[in-house]
Amino acid sequence: MKKVCIQVDRTLGEQFRQFLVDHDLFDPTFPITKTGTHLYFPLLRKLTAQELAIVSQEIGSYKQLERDLEPLPTKPSDLSAALEGILPKELHEWLPHSFDIIGEIAVVELHEALKAYVTRIGEAIMVVNSRVHTVYAKEGGVKGVHRLRPLRLIAGKDQRVTVHTEYGVKLAIDVTRTYFSPRLGTEHNRVTGLIQPGEVIVDMFTGVGPFALLAAKRQNVHVYAIDINPQAIQCLRRSLELNRLVGKITPLVGDTRTIIDNQLTGKADRVIMNLPNYAFSFLDAAAKALKRGGGVIHFYGITTESQPQTTLETQVLEQLAEYGLKAKITTVRVVRPAAPHEEQVVLDLQVVPRKRTSVT
């Protein structure tokens, strides 16, 4: 049968697959095929002109076309189909529409109405997603300075450590003892695509290091990757070995402000601040980390109805001005929904010195 596909160079395969998954465009019911130097990714539908423009900007050369493809061997297409005859019909409306897949592990948020069926739902997730061997259910929100979420094993083998691949980079992750969101893959890719050779980068809240690893993999740079969670830094060190990047990233465990004060003042061309709920509290440290000639700050924050995007922009610029720094916002982007009526946004800030004052 005829199936709409996008043709890309084989060297872009993993990067493009991740892009399509992040944007809900990939059709997993058909195979990815190849001829010569090209890969063909099956799409859920023809892309709009606007979507094709994003593909061109993010990936580069492509061609949208139709190919003769046969569907992959049939299996339930979604959770609802997999649970037909198992879950009462009136409960199907509460099934999750999406969940996170991290390596071989799925992490799902389930409604209270489904609590009697969590094991069957976990088993169904493994049927629908054959590469998943372990399923955890969320038991609460992300809390504490280590940014941990309580999880409960509901199906599959008792496995908490996995290797997740993102844009060709291998990430060692302990899902129960570190923070990682695969939904930020496109943002990791976007930011690291802006980095220039020779930069010194301070990743203030690195977690397991997705920004740091992708930056070091792509460019000749040096990254200081800081996190207060020793388990996250342990995972990062493992990833350095997996990706043969030992020496290009300096992992540092501890409070990011203290580390910048003692080791990294005035060293960075670029600072990444991915701690949306608390980034304001560390903006002084980010300013102090920049070189005397200025640089770039990627500031992540949360906007709400009472704290709109324009207010966030004003507050960040005013705060930097208090430190004697003039900044221009070059990009404002919604990264993802954070909660009902909340969004995570990023401000890319080009910072230059305006006057010399101390940052305390």
Protein backbone atom coordinates (compact mmCIF):
# COMPACT_ATOMS: atom_id res chain seq x y z
CA MET A 1 0.00 0.00 0.00
CA LYS A 2 1.04 3.61 -0.53
CA LYS A 3 2.44 5.28 2.58
CA VAL A 4 3.59 8.87 2.97
CA CYS A 5 7.23 9.01 4.11
CA ILE A 6 10.07 11.45 4.54
CA GLN A 7 13.43 10.68 2.96
CA VAL A 8 16.55 11.83 4.84
CA ASP A 9 20.25 11.08 4.73
CA ARG A 10 21.17 7.96 6.74
CA THR A 11 23.60 9.99 8.88
CA LEU A 12 20.58 11.87 10.28
CA GLY A 13 18.63 8.72 11.08
CA GLU A 14 18.51 8.72 14.89
CA GLN A 15 18.26 12.50 15.11
CA PHE A 16 15.31 12.55 12.70
CA ARG A 17 13.55 9.58 14.29
CA GLN A 18 13.71 11.35 17.67
CA PHE A 19 12.40 14.54 16.07
CA LEU A 20 9.38 12.74 14.58
CA VAL A 21 8.61 10.96 17.86
CA ASP A 22 8.86 14.22 19.84
CA HIS A 23 6.38 15.86 17.45
CA ASP A 24 3.96 12.88 17.26
CA LEU A 25 4.52 12.44 13.51
CA PHE A 26 6.12 8.97 13.32
CA ASP A 27 3.92 5.99 12.42
CA PRO A 28 5.38 2.97 14.28
CA THR A 29 2.98 0.55 12.58
CA PHE A 30 5.09 0.68 9.39
CA PRO A 31 8.80 -0.14 8.99
CA ILE A 32 11.64 2.34 8.51
CA THR A 33 13.19 1.41 5.15
CA LYS A 34 16.45 2.31 3.43
CA THR A 35 18.00 2.53 -0.01
CA GLY A 36 21.61 3.43 -0.58
CA THR A 37 22.40 6.52 1.49
CA HIS A 38 18.81 7.33 2.49
CA LEU A 39 16.30 6.32 5.15
CA TYR A 40 12.51 6.54 4.75
CA PHE A 41 10.42 7.26 7.85
CA PRO A 42 6.69 6.47 7.70
CA LEU A 43 4.45 9.35 8.80
CA LEU A 44 1.04 9.39 10.40
CA ARG A 45 -0.09 11.86 7.70
CA LYS A 46 1.23 14.31 5.16
CA LEU A 47 2.97 17.21 6.83
CA THR A 48 1.70 20.75 6.52
CA ALA A 49 3.82 23.49 4.97
CA GLN A 50 4.49 24.86 8.46
CA GLU A 51 5.63 21.44 9.73
CA LEU A 52 7.87 20.96 6.69
CA ALA A 53 9.45 24.36 7.40
CA ILE A 54 10.25 23.16 10.95
CA VAL A 55 11.74 19.94 9.52
CA SER A 56 13.92 21.98 7.19
CA GLN A 57 15.07 24.23 10.03
CA GLU A 58 15.73 21.42 12.54
CA ILE A 59 17.06 18.67 10.25
CA GLY A 60 18.01 20.15 6.88
CA SER A 61 17.62 18.32 3.58
CA TYR A 62 14.55 16.07 3.20
CA LYS A 63 11.97 14.88 0.68
CA GLN A 64 8.32 14.02 1.38
CA LEU A 65 7.06 11.23 -0.85
CA GLU A 66 5.01 8.04 -1.03
CA ARG A 67 6.41 4.50 -0.91
CA ASP A 68 4.93 1.04 -1.21
CA LEU A 69 5.02 -0.34 2.33
CA GLU A 70 3.35 -3.20 4.15
CA PRO A 71 2.32 -2.72 7.80
CA LEU A 72 4.38 -4.40 10.47
CA PRO A 73 2.93 -7.61 11.98
CA THR A 74 -0.26 -6.70 13.74
CA LYS A 75 -0.41 -6.08 17.45
CA PRO A 76 -2.67 -3.83 19.54
CA SER A 77 -2.24 -0.29 18.28
CA ASP A 78 -2.78 1.35 21.66
CA LEU A 79 -3.57 0.64 25.29
CA SER A 80 -7.30 0.68 24.75
CA ALA A 81 -7.06 -2.05 22.11
CA ALA A 82 -4.65 -4.10 24.24
CA LEU A 83 -7.04 -3.94 27.20
CA GLU A 84 -10.22 -4.74 25.26
CA GLY A 85 -12.20 -7.28 27.31
CA ILE A 86 -9.87 -6.84 30.30
CA LEU A 87 -10.60 -3.29 31.43
CA PRO A 88 -14.29 -2.33 31.91
CA LYS A 89 -15.45 -0.12 29.03
CA GLU A 90 -16.36 2.75 31.31
CA LEU A 91 -12.73 2.99 32.48
CA HIS A 92 -11.14 3.26 29.03
CA GLU A 93 -11.61 7.04 29.04
CA TRP A 94 -9.14 7.25 31.96
CA LEU A 95 -6.32 5.47 30.15
CA PRO A 96 -3.23 7.67 29.59
CA HIS A 97 -2.74 8.98 26.06
CA SER A 98 1.03 9.02 26.46
CA PHE A 99 3.81 7.99 28.82
CA ASP A 100 7.59 8.29 28.98
CA ILE A 101 9.82 5.59 27.54
CA ILE A 102 13.36 5.76 28.90
CA GLY A 103 15.52 3.06 27.37
CA GLU A 104 13.70 -0.19 28.18
CA ILE A 105 11.63 1.39 30.97
CA ALA A 106 8.20 3.03 30.74
CA VAL A 107 7.02 5.55 33.32
CA VAL A 108 3.27 6.19 33.33
CA GLU A 109 0.86 8.36 35.28
CA LEU A 110 -2.41 6.56 36.06
CA HIS A 111 -5.72 7.95 37.24
CA GLU A 112 -7.05 6.84 40.61
CA ALA A 113 -9.98 5.15 38.83
CA LEU A 114 -7.54 2.61 37.34
CA LYS A 115 -5.82 1.55 40.58
CA ALA A 116 -7.35 -1.97 40.56
CA TYR A 117 -5.92 -2.62 37.09
CA VAL A 118 -2.40 -1.18 37.29
CA THR A 119 -0.65 -4.50 36.70
CA ARG A 120 -2.77 -5.32 33.65
CA ILE A 121 -2.18 -1.83 32.28
CA GLY A 122 1.57 -2.21 32.80
CA GLU A 123 1.52 -5.54 30.96
CA ALA A 124 -0.47 -3.94 28.13
CA ILE A 125 2.15 -1.18 27.81
CA MET A 126 4.79 -3.89 27.25
CA VAL A 127 2.60 -5.57 24.61
CA VAL A 128 2.09 -2.32 22.69
CA ASN A 129 5.77 -1.31 23.05
CA SER A 130 7.88 -4.42 22.55
CA ARG A 131 11.15 -2.75 23.60
CA VAL A 132 9.73 -1.97 27.07
CA HIS A 133 10.56 -4.58 29.69
CA THR A 134 9.78 -2.62 32.89
CA VAL A 135 6.87 -0.34 33.79
CA TYR A 136 6.75 2.10 36.70
CA ALA A 137 3.76 4.16 37.82
CA LYS A 138 4.25 7.69 39.13
CA GLU A 139 3.38 7.98 42.82
CA GLY A 140 3.67 11.75 43.13
CA GLY A 141 5.40 14.83 41.78
CA VAL A 142 9.08 15.70 41.41
CA LYS A 143 10.33 16.88 44.81
CA GLY A 144 13.46 17.86 46.71
CA VAL A 145 16.82 19.26 45.70
CA HIS A 146 17.65 15.98 43.90
CA ARG A 147 14.47 16.34 41.79
CA LEU A 148 13.20 12.82 42.43
CA ARG A 149 9.76 11.39 41.72
CA PRO A 150 8.44 8.40 43.72
CA LEU A 151 7.80 5.43 41.43
CA ARG A 152 6.18 2.03 41.91
CA LEU A 153 6.99 -1.05 39.84
CA ILE A 154 3.75 -2.34 38.30
CA ALA A 155 4.89 -4.74 35.57
CA GLY A 156 7.94 -6.43 34.10
CA LYS A 157 11.35 -7.04 35.61
CA ASP A 158 12.66 -5.08 38.57
CA GLN A 159 15.03 -2.81 36.65
CA ARG A 160 15.77 0.82 37.52
CA VAL A 161 18.95 1.45 35.53
CA THR A 162 18.90 1.68 31.73
CA VAL A 163 20.66 3.29 28.78
CA HIS A 164 18.54 5.73 26.81
CA THR A 165 19.61 6.95 23.36
CA GLU A 166 18.86 10.55 22.40
CA TYR A 167 20.07 11.98 19.10
CA GLY A 168 22.82 9.37 18.96
CA VAL A 169 24.06 9.97 22.53
CA LYS A 170 23.85 7.18 25.12
CA LEU A 171 22.55 8.29 28.52
CA ALA A 172 22.94 6.07 31.58
CA ILE A 173 19.87 6.69 33.77
CA ASP A 174 18.61 5.43 37.11
CA VAL A 175 14.91 6.30 36.88
CA THR A 176 14.36 6.01 40.64
CA ARG A 177 17.36 8.06 41.81
CA THR A 178 17.84 10.72 39.13
CA TYR A 179 15.75 13.18 37.12
CA PHE A 180 15.36 12.77 33.37
CA SER A 181 12.58 13.66 30.93
CA PRO A 182 12.68 12.27 27.38
CA ARG A 183 10.19 14.98 26.44
CA LEU A 184 13.03 17.52 26.50
CA GLY A 185 14.92 15.80 23.67
CA THR A 186 14.05 18.44 21.08
CA GLU A 187 15.20 21.21 23.43
CA HIS A 188 18.50 19.43 24.13
CA ASN A 189 18.99 19.20 20.37
CA ARG A 190 18.05 22.85 19.76
CA VAL A 191 20.40 24.34 22.35
CA THR A 192 23.38 22.18 21.48
CA GLY A 193 22.88 23.08 17.83
CA LEU A 194 23.66 26.71 18.74
CA ILE A 195 26.99 25.94 20.40
CA GLN A 196 30.18 26.98 18.62
CA PRO A 197 33.56 25.18 18.63
CA GLY A 198 35.89 26.21 21.45
CA GLU A 199 33.19 27.30 23.87
CA VAL A 200 33.38 26.74 27.60
CA ILE A 201 29.95 25.78 28.91
CA VAL A 202 28.61 25.67 32.46
CA ASP A 203 25.59 23.36 32.77
CA MET A 204 24.36 24.44 36.21
CA PHE A 205 21.76 21.72 36.85
CA THR A 206 22.98 18.96 34.56
CA GLY A 207 21.08 15.99 36.02
CA VAL A 208 22.34 12.93 34.12
CA GLY A 209 23.90 15.31 31.59
CA PRO A 210 21.82 15.34 28.37
CA PHE A 211 22.78 18.92 27.44
CA ALA A 212 26.44 18.37 28.38
CA LEU A 213 26.82 15.05 26.57
CA LEU A 214 25.16 16.17 23.36
CA ALA A 215 27.22 19.40 23.32
CA ALA A 216 30.49 17.53 23.85
CA LYS A 217 29.55 14.93 21.25
CA ARG A 218 28.81 17.55 18.60
CA GLN A 219 31.50 20.18 19.10
CA ASN A 220 35.03 20.66 20.32
CA VAL A 221 33.99 22.28 23.61
CA HIS A 222 34.53 21.79 27.30
CA VAL A 223 31.56 21.47 29.64
CA TYR A 224 31.47 21.86 33.42
CA ALA A 225 28.45 19.77 34.40
CA ILE A 226 27.18 20.45 37.93
CA ASP A 227 24.53 18.68 39.98
CA ILE A 228 23.86 18.35 43.69
CA ASN A 229 22.65 14.75 43.25
CA PRO A 230 25.66 12.38 43.43
CA GLN A 231 23.67 9.60 41.73
CA ALA A 232 23.09 11.84 38.71
CA ILE A 233 26.80 12.59 38.43
CA GLN A 234 27.55 8.88 38.79
CA CYS A 235 25.28 8.23 35.79
CA LEU A 236 26.99 11.03 33.86
CA ARG A 237 30.40 9.50 34.49
CA ARG A 238 29.11 6.19 33.11
CA SER A 239 27.77 8.01 30.03
CA LEU A 240 31.16 9.64 29.44
CA GLU A 241 32.62 6.15 29.08
CA LEU A 242 29.76 4.93 26.87
CA ASN A 243 30.21 7.87 24.49
CA ARG A 244 34.03 8.08 24.71
CA LEU A 245 33.85 11.65 25.99
CA VAL A 246 36.05 11.36 29.06
CA GLY A 247 38.05 14.60 29.34
CA LYS A 248 35.58 16.78 27.41
CA ILE A 249 33.21 17.13 30.37
CA THR A 250 34.14 17.88 33.97
CA PRO A 251 31.44 16.41 36.28
CA LEU A 252 31.08 18.34 39.54
CA VAL A 253 28.96 17.29 42.55
CA GLY A 254 27.61 19.96 44.88
CA ASP A 255 25.75 23.25 45.18
CA THR A 256 26.07 25.07 41.86
CA ARG A 257 26.48 28.52 43.44
CA THR A 258 29.31 27.36 45.70
CA ILE A 259 31.08 25.60 42.82
CA ILE A 260 30.84 28.67 40.59
CA ASP A 261 32.10 30.92 43.39
CA ASN A 262 35.08 28.66 44.11
CA GLN A 263 36.00 27.31 40.67
CA LEU A 264 34.13 28.74 37.71
CA THR A 265 33.77 32.52 38.11
CA GLY A 266 34.35 34.23 34.76
CA LYS A 267 34.97 31.01 32.80
CA ALA A 268 31.84 30.43 30.71
CA ASP A 269 30.89 31.45 27.18
CA ARG A 270 27.50 29.81 27.70
CA VAL A 271 25.45 28.91 30.79
CA ILE A 272 22.51 26.48 30.81
CA MET A 273 19.98 26.93 33.64
CA ASN A 274 17.44 24.12 33.31
CA LEU A 275 15.80 24.36 36.74
CA PRO A 276 12.52 26.08 35.84
CA ASN A 277 10.96 26.43 39.28
CA TYR A 278 14.05 27.89 40.95
CA ALA A 279 16.18 29.45 38.21
CA PHE A 280 15.62 33.01 39.49
CA SER A 281 17.36 32.07 42.72
CA PHE A 282 20.52 31.21 40.78
CA LEU A 283 20.59 33.97 38.16
CA ASP A 284 23.33 35.73 40.14
CA ALA A 285 25.50 32.61 39.93
CA ALA A 286 24.88 32.32 36.18
CA ALA A 287 25.93 35.96 35.72
CA LYS A 288 29.08 35.36 37.76
CA ALA A 289 30.01 32.29 35.67
CA LEU A 290 30.07 34.28 32.41
CA LYS A 291 33.33 35.57 31.02
CA ARG A 292 34.17 39.25 31.38
CA GLY A 293 33.09 39.83 27.79
CA GLY A 294 29.64 38.33 28.34
CA GLY A 295 28.08 35.30 26.69
CA VAL A 296 24.82 33.36 26.44
CA ILE A 297 22.44 32.23 29.17
CA HIS A 298 19.67 29.71 28.48
CA PHE A 299 17.18 30.53 31.24
CA TYR A 300 14.29 28.11 31.88
CA GLY A 301 11.25 29.32 33.79
CA ILE A 302 7.57 28.66 34.40
CA THR A 303 4.77 30.92 33.16
CA THR A 304 1.20 30.96 34.49
CA GLU A 305 -1.85 33.12 34.01
CA SER A 306 -0.69 35.33 36.89
CA GLN A 307 2.97 35.22 35.76
CA PRO A 308 2.80 35.52 31.94
CA GLN A 309 5.71 35.26 29.58
CA THR A 310 6.15 39.03 29.23
CA THR A 311 6.43 39.39 33.00
CA LEU A 312 9.08 36.67 33.12
CA GLU A 313 11.10 38.40 30.39
CA THR A 314 10.97 41.74 32.21
CA GLN A 315 11.98 40.23 35.54
CA VAL A 316 14.98 38.40 34.06
CA LEU A 317 16.28 41.49 32.26
CA GLU A 318 15.80 43.68 35.34
CA GLN A 319 17.57 41.12 37.54
CA LEU A 320 20.57 40.99 35.21
CA ALA A 321 20.67 44.79 35.10
CA GLU A 322 21.08 44.80 38.88
CA TYR A 323 24.27 42.80 38.34
CA GLY A 324 25.57 45.38 35.88
CA LEU A 325 24.75 43.27 32.83
CA LYS A 326 22.83 44.25 29.74
CA ALA A 327 21.02 41.42 27.95
CA LYS A 328 19.07 40.93 24.76
CA ILE A 329 16.49 38.15 24.48
CA THR A 330 17.20 36.40 21.18
CA THR A 331 14.69 33.55 21.52
CA VAL A 332 11.60 32.88 23.59
CA ARG A 333 10.19 29.37 23.23
CA VAL A 334 7.58 27.25 24.96
CA VAL A 335 9.35 24.01 25.79
CA ARG A 336 6.36 22.01 27.04
CA PRO A 337 3.28 22.18 29.27
CA ALA A 338 4.38 21.88 32.91
CA ALA A 339 0.97 21.50 34.62
CA PRO A 340 -2.58 22.69 34.02
CA HIS A 341 -2.35 26.40 33.08
CA GLU A 342 1.47 26.34 33.35
CA GLU A 343 4.16 26.20 30.68
CA GLN A 344 7.89 25.70 30.78
CA VAL A 345 9.59 28.34 28.64
CA VAL A 346 13.18 29.13 27.73
CA LEU A 347 14.72 32.55 27.23
CA ASP A 348 17.95 32.63 25.22
CA LEU A 349 19.84 35.68 26.49
CA GLN A 350 22.80 37.35 24.81
CA VAL A 351 24.59 39.07 27.70
CA VAL A 352 27.20 41.84 27.53
CA PRO A 353 28.71 43.82 30.40
CA ARG A 354 27.22 47.23 30.99
CA LYS A 355 29.04 48.20 34.13
CA ARG A 356 31.17 46.38 36.63
CA THR A 357 29.45 45.62 39.92
CA SER A 358 29.85 42.70 42.25
CA VAL A 359 27.36 39.84 42.06
CA THR A 360 26.55 38.59 45.54
